[in-house]
Amino acid sequence: MRIFIVLLLAAFAAAGCSTTDSGNTGPAIERSAKWVMLPVLNHTEVPQAGLRVEAITEALLRSYGVVDLTRYPATLSPDTLFEPAERKVMVEAEKWAKIQGARYGIYGAVDEWRYKVGIDGEPAVGVALHIMDLQSNAIVWSGVGGKSGWSRESLSGVAQKLIRGLLATAPVR
């Protein structure tokens, strides 16, 4: 019985786990500069997971005071059911952003976007985000993380918590 209780407590403790890493490789990132939301590549089996991460990231950036933020054209979206051609899309999106005169571009990848198999079906999300200085082509911030939630939490809610935690480490001033 004692082992059962210990295992049960360990399962509850692990259910809301998250792991994140981030780093700043340059000076403060200007909140008032012109920004573009570049593609978030979808490395999951869930259609449009990248677009969902883009929408959450865009909304959070706006809530942090990034007001001059433009999305890349929908025609460049890599999250389609046919031939993703991710590298080509990223190159085209970067070219487009530079033509727009943007200073920073935020892009990334989603590696996990699902409910775990099992009785409780906990939501699980894995995301990597990068902020690029488009004038120098330097990555000025990167963050990567994974988070699982409780069985009654929504997948988008867990993703929002993870992305918020990642963006909070970016030196946006």
N, C-alpha and C. Protein backbone atom coordinates (compact mmCIF):
# COMPACT_ATOMS: atom_id res chain seq x y z
N MET A 1 0.82 -1.20 0.00
CA MET A 1 0.00 0.00 0.00
C MET A 1 0.86 1.27 0.00
N ARG A 2 1.94 1.24 0.76
CA ARG A 2 2.81 2.41 0.84
C ARG A 2 3.44 2.72 -0.52
N ILE A 3 3.84 1.69 -1.24
CA ILE A 3 4.42 1.89 -2.58
C ILE A 3 3.39 2.49 -3.52
N PHE A 4 2.15 2.06 -3.42
CA PHE A 4 1.08 2.60 -4.26
C PHE A 4 0.91 4.10 -4.02
N ILE A 5 0.93 4.51 -2.75
CA ILE A 5 0.77 5.93 -2.42
C ILE A 5 1.94 6.73 -2.96
N VAL A 6 3.16 6.22 -2.83
CA VAL A 6 4.35 6.91 -3.35
C VAL A 6 4.26 7.05 -4.86
N LEU A 7 3.87 5.98 -5.54
CA LEU A 7 3.73 6.03 -6.99
C LEU A 7 2.62 7.00 -7.41
N LEU A 8 1.54 7.03 -6.67
CA LEU A 8 0.45 7.94 -6.97
C LEU A 8 0.90 9.39 -6.81
N LEU A 9 1.60 9.70 -5.74
CA LEU A 9 2.11 11.05 -5.53
C LEU A 9 3.10 11.44 -6.62
N ALA A 10 3.97 10.52 -7.02
CA ALA A 10 4.93 10.79 -8.10
C ALA A 10 4.21 11.07 -9.41
N ALA A 11 3.15 10.34 -9.68
CA ALA A 11 2.38 10.56 -10.91
C ALA A 11 1.74 11.94 -10.91
N PHE A 12 1.17 12.35 -9.76
CA PHE A 12 0.59 13.69 -9.68
C PHE A 12 1.64 14.77 -9.84
N ALA A 13 2.80 14.56 -9.26
CA ALA A 13 3.87 15.56 -9.37
C ALA A 13 4.36 15.68 -10.80
N ALA A 14 4.42 14.59 -11.53
CA ALA A 14 4.93 14.61 -12.90
C ALA A 14 3.90 15.12 -13.90
N ALA A 15 2.63 15.11 -13.55
CA ALA A 15 1.58 15.47 -14.50
C ALA A 15 1.67 16.90 -14.99
N GLY A 16 2.14 17.81 -14.18
CA GLY A 16 2.22 19.21 -14.59
C GLY A 16 3.64 19.66 -14.85
N CYS A 17 4.48 18.78 -15.33
CA CYS A 17 5.91 19.08 -15.50
C CYS A 17 6.18 19.94 -16.72
N SER A 18 7.26 20.71 -16.60
CA SER A 18 7.74 21.47 -17.75
C SER A 18 9.25 21.59 -17.68
N THR A 19 9.84 21.73 -18.85
CA THR A 19 11.27 21.94 -18.97
C THR A 19 11.47 23.05 -19.99
N THR A 20 12.27 24.05 -19.63
CA THR A 20 12.56 25.13 -20.57
C THR A 20 14.02 25.52 -20.48
N ASP A 21 14.55 25.96 -21.60
CA ASP A 21 15.89 26.52 -21.70
C ASP A 21 15.81 27.71 -22.64
N SER A 22 16.53 28.77 -22.30
CA SER A 22 16.56 29.92 -23.19
C SER A 22 17.87 30.66 -23.00
N GLY A 23 18.17 31.50 -23.97
CA GLY A 23 19.39 32.28 -23.87
C GLY A 23 19.35 33.51 -24.74
N ASN A 24 20.04 34.54 -24.28
CA ASN A 24 20.14 35.79 -25.00
C ASN A 24 21.56 35.90 -25.53
N THR A 25 21.71 36.16 -26.80
CA THR A 25 23.05 36.24 -27.39
C THR A 25 23.43 37.64 -27.79
N GLY A 26 22.70 38.63 -27.31
CA GLY A 26 23.01 40.00 -27.73
C GLY A 26 22.40 41.02 -26.81
N PRO A 27 22.33 42.26 -27.27
CA PRO A 27 21.77 43.35 -26.46
C PRO A 27 20.26 43.22 -26.32
N ALA A 28 19.69 44.15 -25.58
CA ALA A 28 18.24 44.17 -25.39
C ALA A 28 17.53 44.26 -26.74
N ILE A 29 16.39 43.64 -26.81
CA ILE A 29 15.59 43.61 -28.03
C ILE A 29 14.53 44.71 -27.91
N GLU A 30 14.44 45.54 -28.93
CA GLU A 30 13.58 46.72 -28.89
C GLU A 30 12.11 46.37 -29.11
N ARG A 31 11.30 46.63 -28.12
CA ARG A 31 9.86 46.39 -28.19
C ARG A 31 9.20 47.28 -29.25
N SER A 32 9.72 48.50 -29.41
CA SER A 32 9.09 49.48 -30.31
C SER A 32 9.52 49.33 -31.77
N ALA A 33 10.45 48.44 -32.05
CA ALA A 33 10.91 48.22 -33.43
C ALA A 33 9.83 47.51 -34.24
N LYS A 34 10.04 47.44 -35.53
CA LYS A 34 9.11 46.73 -36.41
C LYS A 34 9.44 45.24 -36.35
N TRP A 35 8.43 44.43 -36.06
CA TRP A 35 8.57 42.98 -35.92
C TRP A 35 7.74 42.27 -36.99
N VAL A 36 8.15 41.04 -37.30
CA VAL A 36 7.33 40.17 -38.15
C VAL A 36 7.23 38.80 -37.50
N MET A 37 6.06 38.23 -37.63
CA MET A 37 5.83 36.85 -37.20
C MET A 37 6.14 35.97 -38.39
N LEU A 38 7.24 35.21 -38.28
CA LEU A 38 7.64 34.30 -39.34
C LEU A 38 7.06 32.91 -39.04
N PRO A 39 7.19 31.96 -39.96
CA PRO A 39 6.56 30.66 -39.75
C PRO A 39 7.08 29.91 -38.52
N VAL A 40 6.16 29.20 -37.89
CA VAL A 40 6.50 28.20 -36.89
C VAL A 40 6.25 26.86 -37.57
N LEU A 41 7.33 26.14 -37.79
CA LEU A 41 7.25 24.89 -38.53
C LEU A 41 6.59 23.81 -37.68
N ASN A 42 5.79 23.00 -38.33
CA ASN A 42 5.03 21.96 -37.66
C ASN A 42 5.73 20.62 -37.84
N HIS A 43 6.37 20.13 -36.76
CA HIS A 43 7.04 18.83 -36.80
C HIS A 43 6.21 17.77 -36.08
N THR A 44 4.91 18.00 -36.01
CA THR A 44 4.01 17.05 -35.37
C THR A 44 3.15 16.39 -36.44
N GLU A 45 2.29 15.49 -35.99
CA GLU A 45 1.34 14.87 -36.91
C GLU A 45 -0.01 15.58 -36.88
N VAL A 46 -0.10 16.65 -36.13
CA VAL A 46 -1.34 17.40 -35.97
C VAL A 46 -1.39 18.53 -36.99
N PRO A 47 -2.37 18.54 -37.88
CA PRO A 47 -2.46 19.62 -38.86
C PRO A 47 -2.58 20.98 -38.18
N GLN A 48 -1.87 21.95 -38.69
CA GLN A 48 -1.93 23.35 -38.30
C GLN A 48 -1.46 23.63 -36.87
N ALA A 49 -0.69 22.75 -36.27
CA ALA A 49 -0.14 23.02 -34.94
C ALA A 49 0.79 24.23 -34.99
N GLY A 50 1.54 24.38 -36.07
CA GLY A 50 2.42 25.54 -36.22
C GLY A 50 1.64 26.84 -36.26
N LEU A 51 0.51 26.84 -36.94
CA LEU A 51 -0.33 28.04 -37.01
C LEU A 51 -0.91 28.38 -35.64
N ARG A 52 -1.22 27.37 -34.85
CA ARG A 52 -1.74 27.61 -33.50
C ARG A 52 -0.68 28.26 -32.62
N VAL A 53 0.56 27.77 -32.72
CA VAL A 53 1.65 28.35 -31.94
C VAL A 53 1.91 29.79 -32.40
N GLU A 54 1.84 30.03 -33.70
CA GLU A 54 2.00 31.40 -34.21
C GLU A 54 0.96 32.34 -33.61
N ALA A 55 -0.29 31.91 -33.57
CA ALA A 55 -1.37 32.76 -33.06
C ALA A 55 -1.15 33.08 -31.58
N ILE A 56 -0.77 32.09 -30.80
CA ILE A 56 -0.52 32.31 -29.36
C ILE A 56 0.68 33.24 -29.18
N THR A 57 1.74 32.99 -29.93
CA THR A 57 2.95 33.81 -29.82
C THR A 57 2.67 35.26 -30.20
N GLU A 58 1.95 35.45 -31.28
CA GLU A 58 1.60 36.81 -31.72
C GLU A 58 0.79 37.53 -30.65
N ALA A 59 -0.20 36.87 -30.10
CA ALA A 59 -1.05 37.51 -29.07
C ALA A 59 -0.24 37.85 -27.82
N LEU A 60 0.65 36.96 -27.41
CA LEU A 60 1.47 37.23 -26.23
C LEU A 60 2.44 38.39 -26.48
N LEU A 61 3.05 38.42 -27.66
CA LEU A 61 3.96 39.54 -27.97
C LEU A 61 3.21 40.87 -27.93
N ARG A 62 2.02 40.90 -28.46
CA ARG A 62 1.22 42.13 -28.43
C ARG A 62 0.89 42.51 -26.98
N SER A 63 0.61 41.52 -26.14
CA SER A 63 0.31 41.82 -24.74
C SER A 63 1.53 42.34 -24.00
N TYR A 64 2.74 42.04 -24.51
CA TYR A 64 3.98 42.54 -23.92
C TYR A 64 4.39 43.89 -24.49
N GLY A 65 3.54 44.47 -25.35
CA GLY A 65 3.81 45.82 -25.86
C GLY A 65 4.46 45.88 -27.23
N VAL A 66 4.58 44.76 -27.93
CA VAL A 66 5.09 44.77 -29.30
C VAL A 66 3.89 45.08 -30.20
N VAL A 67 3.77 46.35 -30.60
CA VAL A 67 2.57 46.76 -31.34
C VAL A 67 2.78 46.75 -32.85
N ASP A 68 3.99 46.96 -33.31
CA ASP A 68 4.28 46.97 -34.75
C ASP A 68 4.71 45.56 -35.16
N LEU A 69 3.73 44.68 -35.23
CA LEU A 69 3.95 43.25 -35.51
C LEU A 69 3.08 42.84 -36.68
N THR A 70 3.71 42.32 -37.73
CA THR A 70 3.01 41.90 -38.94
C THR A 70 3.22 40.41 -39.14
N ARG A 71 2.20 39.74 -39.60
CA ARG A 71 2.31 38.32 -39.94
C ARG A 71 2.81 38.18 -41.37
N TYR A 72 3.56 37.12 -41.62
CA TYR A 72 4.00 36.82 -42.98
C TYR A 72 2.77 36.46 -43.83
N PRO A 73 2.84 36.61 -45.14
CA PRO A 73 1.69 36.31 -46.01
C PRO A 73 1.27 34.84 -45.91
N ALA A 74 -0.02 34.63 -45.92
CA ALA A 74 -0.56 33.27 -45.82
C ALA A 74 -0.08 32.38 -46.96
N THR A 75 0.26 32.96 -48.09
CA THR A 75 0.72 32.17 -49.22
C THR A 75 2.06 31.49 -48.93
N LEU A 76 2.77 31.97 -47.90
CA LEU A 76 4.05 31.36 -47.53
C LEU A 76 3.91 30.34 -46.40
N SER A 77 2.69 30.03 -45.98
CA SER A 77 2.48 29.13 -44.85
C SER A 77 3.02 27.73 -45.14
N PRO A 78 3.89 27.22 -44.24
CA PRO A 78 4.41 25.87 -44.43
C PRO A 78 3.45 24.81 -43.92
N ASP A 79 2.41 25.20 -43.22
CA ASP A 79 1.53 24.24 -42.57
C ASP A 79 0.38 23.84 -43.49
N THR A 80 0.73 23.15 -44.54
CA THR A 80 -0.27 22.66 -45.48
C THR A 80 -0.22 21.14 -45.49
N LEU A 81 -1.18 20.54 -46.11
CA LEU A 81 -1.20 19.09 -46.20
C LEU A 81 -0.35 18.56 -47.35
N PHE A 82 0.08 19.44 -48.22
CA PHE A 82 0.84 19.02 -49.38
C PHE A 82 2.24 19.64 -49.36
N GLU A 83 3.25 18.86 -49.62
CA GLU A 83 4.64 19.28 -49.78
C GLU A 83 5.02 20.51 -48.95
N PRO A 84 5.41 20.31 -47.71
CA PRO A 84 5.70 21.45 -46.85
C PRO A 84 6.87 22.31 -47.30
N ALA A 85 7.93 21.76 -47.87
CA ALA A 85 9.08 22.53 -48.37
C ALA A 85 9.51 23.60 -47.37
N GLU A 86 9.76 23.17 -46.11
CA GLU A 86 10.00 24.10 -45.01
C GLU A 86 11.16 25.05 -45.24
N ARG A 87 12.28 24.57 -45.71
CA ARG A 87 13.44 25.45 -45.88
C ARG A 87 13.15 26.57 -46.88
N LYS A 88 12.50 26.22 -47.96
CA LYS A 88 12.17 27.21 -48.98
C LYS A 88 11.22 28.26 -48.40
N VAL A 89 10.25 27.82 -47.62
CA VAL A 89 9.29 28.74 -47.02
C VAL A 89 10.00 29.70 -46.07
N MET A 90 10.92 29.20 -45.26
CA MET A 90 11.63 30.07 -44.32
C MET A 90 12.48 31.11 -45.06
N VAL A 91 13.16 30.69 -46.11
CA VAL A 91 13.97 31.63 -46.89
C VAL A 91 13.08 32.71 -47.51
N GLU A 92 11.96 32.30 -48.08
CA GLU A 92 11.03 33.26 -48.69
C GLU A 92 10.43 34.20 -47.64
N ALA A 93 10.10 33.66 -46.47
CA ALA A 93 9.53 34.49 -45.41
C ALA A 93 10.55 35.51 -44.91
N GLU A 94 11.80 35.11 -44.77
CA GLU A 94 12.86 36.04 -44.35
C GLU A 94 13.05 37.14 -45.39
N LYS A 95 13.06 36.77 -46.67
CA LYS A 95 13.18 37.77 -47.74
C LYS A 95 12.03 38.78 -47.65
N TRP A 96 10.83 38.26 -47.49
CA TRP A 96 9.65 39.12 -47.39
C TRP A 96 9.80 40.08 -46.21
N ALA A 97 10.23 39.56 -45.05
CA ALA A 97 10.37 40.39 -43.85
C ALA A 97 11.37 41.52 -44.05
N LYS A 98 12.47 41.23 -44.73
CA LYS A 98 13.49 42.25 -44.98
C LYS A 98 12.97 43.33 -45.93
N ILE A 99 12.18 42.92 -46.92
CA ILE A 99 11.57 43.88 -47.84
C ILE A 99 10.62 44.81 -47.07
N GLN A 100 9.96 44.28 -46.05
CA GLN A 100 9.04 45.07 -45.24
C GLN A 100 9.77 46.06 -44.32
N GLY A 101 11.08 45.92 -44.22
CA GLY A 101 11.86 46.81 -43.36
C GLY A 101 11.79 46.44 -41.89
N ALA A 102 11.46 45.19 -41.60
CA ALA A 102 11.35 44.76 -40.21
C ALA A 102 12.72 44.62 -39.56
N ARG A 103 12.77 44.89 -38.27
CA ARG A 103 14.01 44.75 -37.52
C ARG A 103 14.15 43.34 -36.94
N TYR A 104 13.05 42.81 -36.39
CA TYR A 104 13.09 41.51 -35.73
C TYR A 104 12.08 40.56 -36.35
N GLY A 105 12.46 39.32 -36.43
CA GLY A 105 11.55 38.27 -36.85
C GLY A 105 11.55 37.19 -35.79
N ILE A 106 10.37 36.70 -35.45
CA ILE A 106 10.28 35.59 -34.51
C ILE A 106 9.74 34.39 -35.27
N TYR A 107 10.40 33.27 -35.09
CA TYR A 107 10.02 32.04 -35.79
C TYR A 107 10.33 30.86 -34.89
N GLY A 108 9.98 29.66 -35.33
CA GLY A 108 10.27 28.50 -34.50
C GLY A 108 9.74 27.21 -35.07
N ALA A 109 9.56 26.26 -34.16
CA ALA A 109 9.05 24.94 -34.53
C ALA A 109 8.25 24.39 -33.36
N VAL A 110 7.23 23.62 -33.67
CA VAL A 110 6.47 22.90 -32.66
C VAL A 110 6.74 21.41 -32.89
N ASP A 111 7.23 20.75 -31.84
CA ASP A 111 7.61 19.35 -31.94
C ASP A 111 6.62 18.41 -31.27
N GLU A 112 5.79 18.95 -30.40
CA GLU A 112 4.78 18.12 -29.74
C GLU A 112 3.54 18.97 -29.52
N TRP A 113 2.40 18.40 -29.87
CA TRP A 113 1.11 19.07 -29.72
C TRP A 113 0.06 17.97 -29.69
N ARG A 114 -0.20 17.47 -28.48
CA ARG A 114 -1.09 16.31 -28.41
C ARG A 114 -1.60 16.11 -26.99
N TYR A 115 -2.57 15.22 -26.90
CA TYR A 115 -3.00 14.70 -25.61
C TYR A 115 -2.36 13.33 -25.48
N LYS A 116 -1.70 13.08 -24.35
CA LYS A 116 -1.02 11.81 -24.14
C LYS A 116 -2.05 10.69 -24.10
N VAL A 117 -1.62 9.52 -24.55
CA VAL A 117 -2.48 8.35 -24.54
C VAL A 117 -2.57 7.84 -23.11
N GLY A 118 -3.76 7.48 -22.70
CA GLY A 118 -3.94 6.93 -21.36
C GLY A 118 -5.27 7.35 -20.78
N ILE A 119 -5.47 6.99 -19.55
CA ILE A 119 -6.75 7.26 -18.88
C ILE A 119 -7.00 8.75 -18.77
N ASP A 120 -5.99 9.49 -18.35
CA ASP A 120 -6.20 10.92 -18.12
C ASP A 120 -6.03 11.78 -19.36
N GLY A 121 -5.22 11.37 -20.31
CA GLY A 121 -5.03 12.13 -21.55
C GLY A 121 -4.50 13.52 -21.33
N GLU A 122 -3.38 13.64 -20.58
CA GLU A 122 -2.81 14.96 -20.30
C GLU A 122 -2.34 15.64 -21.58
N PRO A 123 -2.52 16.98 -21.67
CA PRO A 123 -2.01 17.73 -22.82
C PRO A 123 -0.50 17.86 -22.73
N ALA A 124 0.17 17.79 -23.87
CA ALA A 124 1.63 17.92 -23.91
C ALA A 124 2.02 18.77 -25.12
N VAL A 125 2.93 19.74 -24.89
CA VAL A 125 3.36 20.68 -25.92
C VAL A 125 4.87 20.80 -25.87
N GLY A 126 5.49 20.88 -27.04
CA GLY A 126 6.92 21.15 -27.15
C GLY A 126 7.16 22.19 -28.22
N VAL A 127 7.85 23.28 -27.87
CA VAL A 127 8.02 24.42 -28.77
C VAL A 127 9.44 24.96 -28.69
N ALA A 128 9.97 25.40 -29.83
CA ALA A 128 11.23 26.15 -29.88
C ALA A 128 10.94 27.47 -30.59
N LEU A 129 11.41 28.58 -30.01
CA LEU A 129 11.21 29.90 -30.60
C LEU A 129 12.55 30.61 -30.71
N HIS A 130 12.70 31.45 -31.73
CA HIS A 130 13.92 32.21 -31.95
C HIS A 130 13.55 33.63 -32.40
N ILE A 131 14.29 34.61 -31.90
CA ILE A 131 14.14 35.98 -32.38
C ILE A 131 15.41 36.32 -33.14
N MET A 132 15.22 36.75 -34.39
CA MET A 132 16.33 37.08 -35.27
C MET A 132 16.37 38.57 -35.54
N ASP A 133 17.57 39.14 -35.45
CA ASP A 133 17.78 40.53 -35.88
C ASP A 133 17.94 40.46 -37.40
N LEU A 134 16.96 40.94 -38.11
CA LEU A 134 16.95 40.80 -39.57
C LEU A 134 17.98 41.68 -40.26
N GLN A 135 18.50 42.69 -39.57
CA GLN A 135 19.54 43.53 -40.16
C GLN A 135 20.89 42.83 -40.16
N SER A 136 21.16 42.05 -39.12
CA SER A 136 22.46 41.38 -39.03
C SER A 136 22.37 39.87 -39.26
N ASN A 137 21.16 39.34 -39.39
CA ASN A 137 20.90 37.90 -39.51
C ASN A 137 21.34 37.12 -38.28
N ALA A 138 21.50 37.79 -37.15
CA ALA A 138 21.93 37.13 -35.91
C ALA A 138 20.71 36.71 -35.10
N ILE A 139 20.79 35.54 -34.51
CA ILE A 139 19.77 35.09 -33.57
C ILE A 139 20.09 35.78 -32.24
N VAL A 140 19.18 36.63 -31.76
CA VAL A 140 19.43 37.38 -30.54
C VAL A 140 18.79 36.76 -29.31
N TRP A 141 17.91 35.81 -29.52
CA TRP A 141 17.31 35.08 -28.40
C TRP A 141 16.77 33.76 -28.90
N SER A 142 16.89 32.73 -28.09
CA SER A 142 16.30 31.43 -28.38
C SER A 142 15.72 30.84 -27.11
N GLY A 143 14.63 30.16 -27.26
CA GLY A 143 14.01 29.47 -26.14
C GLY A 143 13.39 28.18 -26.62
N VAL A 144 13.49 27.15 -25.81
CA VAL A 144 12.89 25.86 -26.14
C VAL A 144 12.31 25.27 -24.87
N GLY A 145 11.17 24.62 -25.01
CA GLY A 145 10.56 24.05 -23.82
C GLY A 145 9.52 23.00 -24.15
N GLY A 146 9.22 22.24 -23.13
CA GLY A 146 8.17 21.24 -23.21
C GLY A 146 7.36 21.31 -21.93
N LYS A 147 6.08 21.10 -22.05
CA LYS A 147 5.22 21.18 -20.87
C LYS A 147 4.06 20.21 -21.03
N SER A 148 3.73 19.55 -19.94
CA SER A 148 2.52 18.74 -19.92
C SER A 148 1.61 19.30 -18.84
N GLY A 149 0.34 19.11 -19.03
CA GLY A 149 -0.63 19.66 -18.09
C GLY A 149 -1.42 18.57 -17.41
N TRP A 150 -2.42 18.99 -16.68
CA TRP A 150 -3.30 18.07 -15.99
C TRP A 150 -4.38 17.58 -16.96
N SER A 151 -5.06 16.52 -16.58
CA SER A 151 -6.02 15.90 -17.50
C SER A 151 -7.18 16.80 -17.86
N ARG A 152 -7.51 17.77 -17.04
CA ARG A 152 -8.65 18.66 -17.32
C ARG A 152 -8.23 19.95 -18.02
N GLU A 153 -6.94 20.15 -18.26
CA GLU A 153 -6.46 21.37 -18.92
C GLU A 153 -6.57 21.23 -20.44
N SER A 154 -6.70 22.38 -21.09
CA SER A 154 -6.75 22.37 -22.54
C SER A 154 -5.34 22.39 -23.11
N LEU A 155 -5.20 21.86 -24.28
CA LEU A 155 -3.92 21.86 -24.98
C LEU A 155 -3.44 23.28 -25.25
N SER A 156 -4.34 24.15 -25.69
CA SER A 156 -3.94 25.54 -25.97
C SER A 156 -3.58 26.28 -24.70
N GLY A 157 -4.21 25.96 -23.59
CA GLY A 157 -3.87 26.59 -22.31
C GLY A 157 -2.47 26.21 -21.86
N VAL A 158 -2.11 24.95 -22.02
CA VAL A 158 -0.76 24.51 -21.67
C VAL A 158 0.25 25.17 -22.60
N ALA A 159 -0.08 25.26 -23.89
CA ALA A 159 0.81 25.91 -24.86
C ALA A 159 1.00 27.38 -24.50
N GLN A 160 -0.07 28.05 -24.12
CA GLN A 160 0.02 29.47 -23.76
C GLN A 160 0.93 29.64 -22.55
N LYS A 161 0.82 28.80 -21.54
CA LYS A 161 1.68 28.89 -20.36
C LYS A 161 3.14 28.67 -20.74
N LEU A 162 3.39 27.68 -21.60
CA LEU A 162 4.76 27.39 -22.02
C LEU A 162 5.36 28.56 -22.80
N ILE A 163 4.63 29.05 -23.80
CA ILE A 163 5.13 30.14 -24.65
C ILE A 163 5.30 31.41 -23.82
N ARG A 164 4.38 31.69 -22.91
CA ARG A 164 4.50 32.85 -22.03
C ARG A 164 5.79 32.74 -21.20
N GLY A 165 6.05 31.57 -20.66
CA GLY A 165 7.25 31.36 -19.87
C GLY A 165 8.52 31.53 -20.69
N LEU A 166 8.50 31.06 -21.93
CA LEU A 166 9.65 31.23 -22.81
C LEU A 166 9.87 32.71 -23.13
N LEU A 167 8.82 33.39 -23.58
CA LEU A 167 8.95 34.79 -23.99
C LEU A 167 9.33 35.69 -22.81
N ALA A 168 8.97 35.30 -21.60
CA ALA A 168 9.30 36.10 -20.43
C ALA A 168 10.82 36.18 -20.22
N THR A 169 11.56 35.23 -20.78
CA THR A 169 13.02 35.24 -20.63
C THR A 169 13.71 36.07 -21.71
N ALA A 170 12.96 36.47 -22.73
CA ALA A 170 13.55 37.29 -23.81
C ALA A 170 13.75 38.72 -23.30
N PRO A 171 14.90 39.31 -23.58
CA PRO A 171 15.18 40.67 -23.06
C PRO A 171 14.53 41.76 -23.92
N VAL A 172 13.22 41.70 -24.05
CA VAL A 172 12.49 42.70 -24.84
C VAL A 172 12.24 43.91 -23.95
N ARG A 173 12.76 45.07 -24.36
CA ARG A 173 12.66 46.30 -23.56
C ARG A 173 11.95 47.39 -24.33
